[in-house]
Amino acid sequence: MLNGKANYNAGARYGSGEHSEPCVVCAGALKITAQKTGHQLQLEIKHVLESLSWVRIFHGFEVSKSLDGTSDSFSMIAYADQSESNITDLSEHVLAHEAVLKGKIQLFEKDKCWLCFMPIKHSNGGLSLWLIEGHESTEKPELEPMCILAEVYQNCASHIGLQNTDPLTGLGNRQALSDRLGRMLKGHRRSNDIGDKSLPSICMLDIDFFKRVNDDYGHLYGDEVLLLFSSLMKKIFRENDFLYRYGGEEFIVLLGTSTLEDSIIALERFRREVEAYTFPQVGNITVSIGFVQMKAGELPSTTMDKADKALYYAKGNERNQVCSYHNLIQKKLIATNKQDIKSERF
């Protein structure tokens, strides 16, 4: 697995006057380092790798652990604009799993075509898997150029990750959320050993009466509440759930559950943990939560608006509860038009 140190000697090979692939590597590195968002970076690495002489098709995935946390099971979310139609059964290949579990590049030849399974470990602990198809009748592929580009990609991903991180809590920020929502809703695929390919739920969490904490105890204790609250999020939610600070005392979770009932169970578990936790000096606080299941092809703004409506209902009706947009609509407790008058949050 690439982890910051190369396991090859590129200079010895490329100092001999063979400039074809190295020039592609240099040009590709310049293009990769010019990218400013994770989405753009993923699009560019696909373009650059497919410009290598032996590469025919590139497939990139973000890897997360399974729901039960076992080491031999994981799920994958496709990079950038890859869609269901152009992602093959490579994601189900046994060597893809071996690459992730062993942390080593796996090569496989079938019908005169080479396949490469390459794990990429990121500085934040995240993991990617590159699945690369070669041209037919290609000799055993030369991996050095690809490894160099992988390290350039790692470094860029690390810098972009820092820009997309909330400095107080260490969670993703609004830019990171926007980037991921766009990718998920445009070209989402999750595949794992239990066959869960559903889109996640988007959940909005708001600390109740947080303004009182700042007013009564000061912003220093308010920041401590935010830090401890985010720590509870990291502890309670799973590795395949994505966590963000949306702003102030409001947080977002992209919850990787498959059913409405599972989402309610997971969110209720977190709500109870917060209610039972004693925050230093401040004591007990509560959280209100609104959520909705994401739909393929739906605009992120539309999905966020639905979750926001559910949250406003929770805040306006006794707080300290989990509200599903779907359930509220079914019970006719909220309307679907955007002109609804929203309840006062505080």
Protein backbone atom coordinates (compact mmCIF):
# COMPACT_ATOMS: atom_id res chain seq x y z
CA MET A 1 0.00 0.00 0.00
CA LEU A 2 1.26 3.47 -0.82
CA ASN A 3 1.72 5.33 2.45
CA GLY A 4 4.13 8.13 1.65
CA LYS A 5 7.20 6.05 0.75
CA ALA A 6 7.77 4.69 -2.71
CA ASN A 7 8.69 1.04 -3.08
CA TYR A 8 10.37 1.44 -6.43
CA ASN A 9 13.38 3.18 -8.00
CA ALA A 10 11.97 5.39 -10.70
CA GLY A 11 15.11 7.43 -11.24
CA ALA A 12 17.24 4.43 -12.18
CA ARG A 13 14.85 3.51 -14.98
CA TYR A 14 13.93 6.95 -16.23
CA GLY A 15 17.41 8.44 -16.29
CA SER A 16 18.30 6.31 -19.30
CA GLY A 17 16.74 8.51 -21.98
CA GLU A 18 13.37 6.74 -22.18
CA HIS A 19 11.10 9.78 -21.94
CA SER A 20 7.72 8.63 -23.20
CA GLU A 21 6.06 7.55 -19.91
CA PRO A 22 8.05 9.94 -17.67
CA CYS A 23 6.83 12.90 -19.74
CA VAL A 24 3.27 11.68 -19.25
CA VAL A 25 4.00 11.44 -15.52
CA CYS A 26 5.42 14.98 -15.36
CA ALA A 27 2.54 16.46 -17.35
CA GLY A 28 0.06 14.47 -15.30
CA ALA A 29 1.58 15.61 -12.02
CA LEU A 30 1.22 19.24 -13.09
CA LYS A 31 -2.44 18.69 -13.97
CA ILE A 32 -3.15 16.85 -10.71
CA THR A 33 -1.59 19.53 -8.49
CA ALA A 34 -3.65 22.23 -10.21
CA GLN A 35 -6.94 20.83 -8.87
CA LYS A 36 -8.72 22.60 -6.01
CA THR A 37 -11.50 20.21 -4.98
CA GLY A 38 -11.74 16.48 -4.32
CA HIS A 39 -14.21 16.12 -7.17
CA GLN A 40 -11.89 17.81 -9.67
CA LEU A 41 -8.95 15.78 -8.37
CA GLN A 42 -10.77 12.51 -8.97
CA LEU A 43 -11.77 13.53 -12.47
CA GLU A 44 -8.20 14.52 -13.30
CA ILE A 45 -6.53 11.36 -11.96
CA LYS A 46 -8.85 9.30 -14.16
CA HIS A 47 -7.87 11.35 -17.22
CA VAL A 48 -4.15 11.23 -16.40
CA LEU A 49 -3.96 7.51 -15.68
CA GLU A 50 -5.86 6.66 -18.84
CA SER A 51 -3.20 8.58 -20.78
CA LEU A 52 -0.59 6.00 -19.71
CA SER A 53 0.31 3.70 -22.59
CA TRP A 54 -0.97 0.43 -21.10
CA VAL A 55 -4.12 1.75 -19.36
CA ARG A 56 -7.49 1.37 -21.05
CA ILE A 57 -10.01 2.11 -18.28
CA PHE A 58 -9.65 3.50 -14.74
CA HIS A 59 -12.13 2.92 -11.91
CA GLY A 60 -11.64 4.71 -8.58
CA PHE A 61 -13.45 4.00 -5.32
CA GLU A 62 -13.49 5.31 -1.78
CA VAL A 63 -13.47 2.38 0.63
CA SER A 64 -15.17 2.22 4.00
CA LYS A 65 -15.44 -0.61 6.49
CA SER A 66 -18.49 -2.80 6.81
CA LEU A 67 -21.41 -2.09 9.09
CA ASP A 68 -20.18 -4.61 11.66
CA GLY A 69 -16.62 -3.27 11.60
CA THR A 70 -15.01 -6.53 10.52
CA SER A 71 -11.70 -6.39 8.69
CA ASP A 72 -12.77 -8.62 5.81
CA SER A 73 -15.81 -6.69 4.66
CA PHE A 74 -16.12 -3.21 3.20
CA SER A 75 -18.18 -1.02 0.90
CA MET A 76 -17.09 1.19 -1.99
CA ILE A 77 -18.32 4.52 -3.34
CA ALA A 78 -17.35 5.45 -6.88
CA TYR A 79 -15.11 8.40 -7.64
CA ALA A 80 -16.44 11.54 -9.25
CA ASP A 81 -18.78 11.12 -12.23
CA GLN A 82 -18.55 7.37 -12.67
CA SER A 83 -22.06 6.00 -13.05
CA GLU A 84 -23.70 2.61 -12.74
CA SER A 85 -23.29 2.01 -16.48
CA ASN A 86 -19.53 2.40 -16.65
CA ILE A 87 -18.48 0.58 -13.49
CA THR A 88 -17.95 -3.10 -14.11
CA ASP A 89 -17.96 -6.13 -11.86
CA LEU A 90 -14.32 -5.35 -11.08
CA SER A 91 -15.55 -4.08 -7.72
CA GLU A 92 -16.67 -7.62 -6.87
CA HIS A 93 -13.39 -9.25 -7.91
CA VAL A 94 -11.65 -11.33 -5.24
CA LEU A 95 -8.35 -9.53 -5.89
CA ALA A 96 -10.00 -6.20 -5.14
CA HIS A 97 -10.70 -7.51 -1.65
CA GLU A 98 -7.18 -8.91 -1.34
CA ALA A 99 -5.70 -5.55 -2.32
CA VAL A 100 -7.69 -3.80 0.42
CA LEU A 101 -7.06 -6.41 3.10
CA LYS A 102 -3.35 -7.00 2.34
CA GLY A 103 -2.54 -3.42 1.42
CA LYS A 104 -0.63 -4.51 -1.67
CA ILE A 105 -1.02 -4.09 -5.41
CA GLN A 106 -2.64 -7.12 -7.04
CA LEU A 107 -2.18 -7.96 -10.74
CA PHE A 108 -4.38 -10.35 -12.66
CA GLU A 109 -4.32 -11.47 -16.30
CA LYS A 110 -7.49 -12.71 -17.99
CA ASP A 111 -8.13 -13.15 -21.69
CA LYS A 112 -4.85 -11.39 -22.55
CA CYS A 113 -5.92 -8.34 -20.54
CA TRP A 114 -4.15 -7.15 -17.38
CA LEU A 115 -6.11 -5.89 -14.39
CA CYS A 116 -4.44 -3.93 -11.59
CA PHE A 117 -5.94 -3.51 -8.11
CA MET A 118 -4.12 -0.71 -6.27
CA PRO A 119 -4.91 0.39 -2.68
CA ILE A 120 -4.22 4.04 -1.82
CA LYS A 121 -3.97 4.96 1.87
CA HIS A 122 -4.63 8.61 2.71
CA SER A 123 -3.06 10.65 5.51
CA ASN A 124 -6.42 11.03 7.30
CA GLY A 125 -6.80 7.26 7.55
CA GLY A 126 -9.09 6.99 4.54
CA LEU A 127 -8.59 4.43 1.81
CA SER A 128 -9.10 4.41 -1.94
CA LEU A 129 -8.95 1.51 -4.35
CA TRP A 130 -7.91 1.96 -7.96
CA LEU A 131 -9.06 -0.72 -10.40
CA ILE A 132 -7.31 -0.40 -13.74
CA GLU A 133 -7.91 -2.33 -16.94
CA GLY A 134 -5.13 -2.62 -19.50
CA HIS A 135 -5.30 -2.93 -23.26
CA GLU A 136 -5.54 -6.40 -24.72
CA SER A 137 -2.24 -8.13 -25.54
CA THR A 138 -0.31 -5.68 -23.33
CA GLU A 139 2.83 -7.08 -21.78
CA LYS A 140 3.03 -7.10 -17.99
CA PRO A 141 2.35 -3.45 -17.10
CA GLU A 142 5.02 -1.10 -15.82
CA LEU A 143 3.78 0.14 -12.44
CA GLU A 144 6.36 2.82 -11.63
CA PRO A 145 4.63 5.70 -13.47
CA MET A 146 1.32 4.80 -11.86
CA CYS A 147 2.91 4.66 -8.40
CA ILE A 148 4.46 8.11 -8.87
CA LEU A 149 1.12 9.57 -9.90
CA ALA A 150 -0.53 7.83 -6.93
CA GLU A 151 1.82 9.58 -4.51
CA VAL A 152 1.18 12.95 -6.17
CA TYR A 153 -2.53 12.22 -5.86
CA GLN A 154 -2.12 11.34 -2.17
CA ASN A 155 -0.36 14.60 -1.39
CA CYS A 156 -2.97 16.66 -3.23
CA ALA A 157 -5.82 14.79 -1.57
CA SER A 158 -4.22 15.49 1.82
CA HIS A 159 -3.99 19.24 1.17
CA ILE A 160 -7.55 19.40 -0.15
CA GLY A 161 -8.69 17.40 2.87
CA LEU A 162 -7.22 20.02 5.20
CA GLN A 163 -9.08 22.76 3.34
CA ASN A 164 -12.30 20.78 3.70
CA THR A 165 -11.96 20.19 7.45
CA ASP A 166 -13.56 22.23 10.21
CA PRO A 167 -10.63 23.48 12.34
CA LEU A 168 -12.43 23.20 15.68
CA THR A 169 -14.03 19.77 15.50
CA GLY A 170 -11.99 18.02 12.80
CA LEU A 171 -15.19 17.09 10.96
CA GLY A 172 -15.79 17.90 7.33
CA ASN A 173 -16.93 21.45 6.57
CA ARG A 174 -19.65 22.77 4.26
CA GLN A 175 -17.40 22.61 1.22
CA ALA A 176 -16.63 18.95 1.90
CA LEU A 177 -20.33 18.22 2.33
CA SER A 178 -21.26 19.99 -0.88
CA ASP A 179 -18.58 18.10 -2.78
CA ARG A 180 -19.72 14.71 -1.51
CA LEU A 181 -23.43 15.39 -1.96
CA GLY A 182 -22.90 16.34 -5.56
CA ARG A 183 -20.97 13.16 -6.27
CA MET A 184 -23.37 10.89 -4.41
CA LEU A 185 -26.49 12.22 -6.06
CA LYS A 186 -25.00 12.33 -9.56
CA GLY A 187 -23.24 9.00 -9.79
CA HIS A 188 -23.59 6.85 -6.70
CA ARG A 189 -22.76 3.21 -6.40
CA ARG A 190 -22.09 1.29 -3.23
CA SER A 191 -21.30 -2.39 -3.41
CA ASN A 192 -20.48 -4.74 -0.57
CA ASP A 193 -20.89 -8.29 0.53
CA ILE A 194 -24.43 -7.77 1.85
CA GLY A 195 -25.68 -6.11 -1.33
CA ASP A 196 -26.62 -2.72 0.15
CA LYS A 197 -26.70 -0.24 -2.74
CA SER A 198 -29.09 2.33 -1.27
CA LEU A 199 -28.36 6.01 -0.97
CA PRO A 200 -27.73 7.25 2.57
CA SER A 201 -29.97 9.46 4.66
CA ILE A 202 -29.01 13.08 5.16
CA CYS A 203 -29.46 14.06 8.80
CA MET A 204 -29.36 17.55 10.30
CA LEU A 205 -28.44 17.76 13.99
CA ASP A 206 -28.87 20.93 16.02
CA ILE A 207 -27.82 21.37 19.67
CA ASP A 208 -30.83 22.66 21.60
CA PHE A 209 -30.56 26.10 23.26
CA PHE A 210 -26.88 26.39 22.38
CA LYS A 211 -27.08 30.18 22.48
CA ARG A 212 -27.79 29.90 26.22
CA VAL A 213 -24.54 27.95 26.69
CA ASN A 214 -22.52 30.78 25.14
CA ASP A 215 -24.50 33.44 27.04
CA ASP A 216 -24.33 31.70 30.44
CA TYR A 217 -20.86 30.14 30.35
CA GLY A 218 -18.96 31.95 27.61
CA HIS A 219 -17.67 30.94 24.19
CA LEU A 220 -14.78 28.91 25.63
CA TYR A 221 -17.20 26.45 27.19
CA GLY A 222 -19.36 26.67 24.10
CA ASP A 223 -16.42 25.51 22.00
CA GLU A 224 -15.79 22.68 24.46
CA VAL A 225 -19.40 21.54 24.07
CA LEU A 226 -18.94 21.51 20.28
CA LEU A 227 -15.73 19.51 20.61
CA LEU A 228 -17.27 16.95 22.95
CA PHE A 229 -20.43 16.76 20.84
CA SER A 230 -18.35 16.01 17.72
CA SER A 231 -16.39 13.40 19.69
CA LEU A 232 -19.67 11.67 20.54
CA MET A 233 -20.56 11.72 16.85
CA LYS A 234 -17.27 10.03 15.95
CA LYS A 235 -17.81 7.46 18.70
CA ILE A 236 -21.44 6.58 18.01
CA PHE A 237 -21.69 6.74 14.24
CA ARG A 238 -19.91 4.20 12.07
CA GLU A 239 -16.98 4.44 9.70
CA ASN A 240 -19.23 4.40 6.65
CA ASP A 241 -21.21 7.39 7.97
CA PHE A 242 -19.87 10.80 6.91
CA LEU A 243 -19.81 13.57 9.53
CA TYR A 244 -19.78 17.35 8.99
CA ARG A 245 -20.06 20.56 10.93
CA TYR A 246 -22.52 22.62 8.93
CA GLY A 247 -22.05 25.82 10.91
CA GLY A 248 -22.36 27.02 14.50
CA GLU A 249 -24.10 24.31 16.50
CA GLU A 250 -25.53 22.53 13.47
CA PHE A 251 -24.08 19.26 12.16
CA ILE A 252 -24.76 16.93 9.25
CA VAL A 253 -24.52 13.14 9.06
CA LEU A 254 -24.72 11.18 5.83
CA LEU A 255 -26.04 8.00 7.39
CA GLY A 256 -25.28 4.77 5.55
CA THR A 257 -28.37 2.84 6.65
CA SER A 258 -30.59 0.92 4.25
CA THR A 259 -34.07 1.53 5.71
CA LEU A 260 -36.05 4.28 7.39
CA GLU A 261 -36.32 2.16 10.53
CA ASP A 262 -32.55 1.61 10.70
CA SER A 263 -31.96 5.34 10.37
CA ILE A 264 -34.34 6.09 13.22
CA ILE A 265 -32.66 3.48 15.43
CA ALA A 266 -29.18 4.90 14.76
CA LEU A 267 -30.23 8.50 15.29
CA GLU A 268 -32.23 7.71 18.44
CA ARG A 269 -29.17 5.94 19.83
CA PHE A 270 -27.10 9.08 19.31
CA ARG A 271 -29.82 11.35 20.72
CA ARG A 272 -29.96 9.29 23.91
CA GLU A 273 -26.16 9.30 24.26
CA VAL A 274 -26.11 13.09 24.05
CA GLU A 275 -28.97 13.43 26.54
CA ALA A 276 -27.17 11.17 29.05
CA TYR A 277 -23.74 12.78 28.66
CA THR A 278 -22.61 15.30 31.28
CA PHE A 279 -20.72 18.19 29.71
CA PRO A 280 -18.16 19.80 32.08
CA GLN A 281 -19.50 22.93 33.78
CA VAL A 282 -22.51 23.03 31.44
CA GLY A 283 -24.19 19.80 32.52
CA ASN A 284 -26.69 18.10 30.21
CA ILE A 285 -27.75 19.24 26.76
CA THR A 286 -30.05 17.76 24.13
CA VAL A 287 -30.10 17.57 20.35
CA SER A 288 -32.88 17.81 17.78
CA ILE A 289 -32.56 15.83 14.55
CA GLY A 290 -34.32 15.92 11.20
CA PHE A 291 -33.53 13.56 8.34
CA VAL A 292 -34.59 12.34 4.91
CA GLN A 293 -33.49 9.53 2.61
CA MET A 294 -31.57 10.81 -0.41
CA LYS A 295 -32.92 10.08 -3.90
CA ALA A 296 -30.85 9.48 -7.02
CA GLY A 297 -30.99 12.44 -9.38
CA GLU A 298 -32.43 14.83 -6.78
CA LEU A 299 -30.73 18.20 -6.39
CA PRO A 300 -28.68 18.52 -3.18
CA SER A 301 -30.55 21.74 -2.34
CA THR A 302 -33.86 19.88 -2.52
CA THR A 303 -32.65 17.10 -0.25
CA MET A 304 -31.20 19.57 2.24
CA ASP A 305 -34.46 21.52 2.28
CA LYS A 306 -36.39 18.38 3.20
CA ALA A 307 -34.02 17.53 6.06
CA ASP A 308 -34.19 21.15 7.19
CA LYS A 309 -38.00 21.04 7.30
CA ALA A 310 -37.86 17.93 9.50
CA LEU A 311 -35.32 19.63 11.79
CA TYR A 312 -37.43 22.78 12.11
CA TYR A 313 -40.41 20.66 13.08
CA ALA A 314 -38.34 18.95 15.78
CA LYS A 315 -37.06 22.31 17.08
CA GLY A 316 -40.54 23.80 17.10
CA ASN A 317 -42.19 20.86 18.87
CA GLU A 318 -40.48 20.27 22.21
CA ARG A 319 -36.99 19.58 20.75
CA ASN A 320 -34.84 16.59 21.84
CA GLN A 321 -36.34 14.28 19.22
CA VAL A 322 -35.69 12.59 15.88
CA CYS A 323 -38.04 13.55 13.05
CA SER A 324 -38.27 11.85 9.66
CA TYR A 325 -39.38 14.01 6.72
CA HIS A 326 -41.15 11.00 5.23
CA ASN A 327 -43.11 10.30 8.41
CA LEU A 328 -44.01 13.97 8.89
CA ILE A 329 -45.36 14.15 5.35
CA GLN A 330 -47.37 10.95 5.79
CA LYS A 331 -48.92 12.30 9.01
CA LYS A 332 -49.54 15.67 7.29
CA LEU A 333 -47.61 17.47 10.01
CA ILE A 334 -45.66 19.48 7.44
CA ALA A 335 -46.42 20.56 3.88
CA THR A 336 -44.22 19.97 0.87
CA ASN A 337 -44.17 23.49 -0.57
CA LYS A 338 -41.24 25.77 0.19
CA GLN A 339 -43.45 28.66 1.26
CA ASP A 340 -44.28 27.04 4.60
CA ILE A 341 -43.69 29.26 7.59
CA LYS A 342 -40.91 27.64 9.57
CA SER A 343 -40.92 27.43 13.35
CA GLU A 344 -38.53 29.63 15.32
CA ARG A 345 -35.47 27.52 16.03
CA PHE A 346 -34.34 28.96 19.32
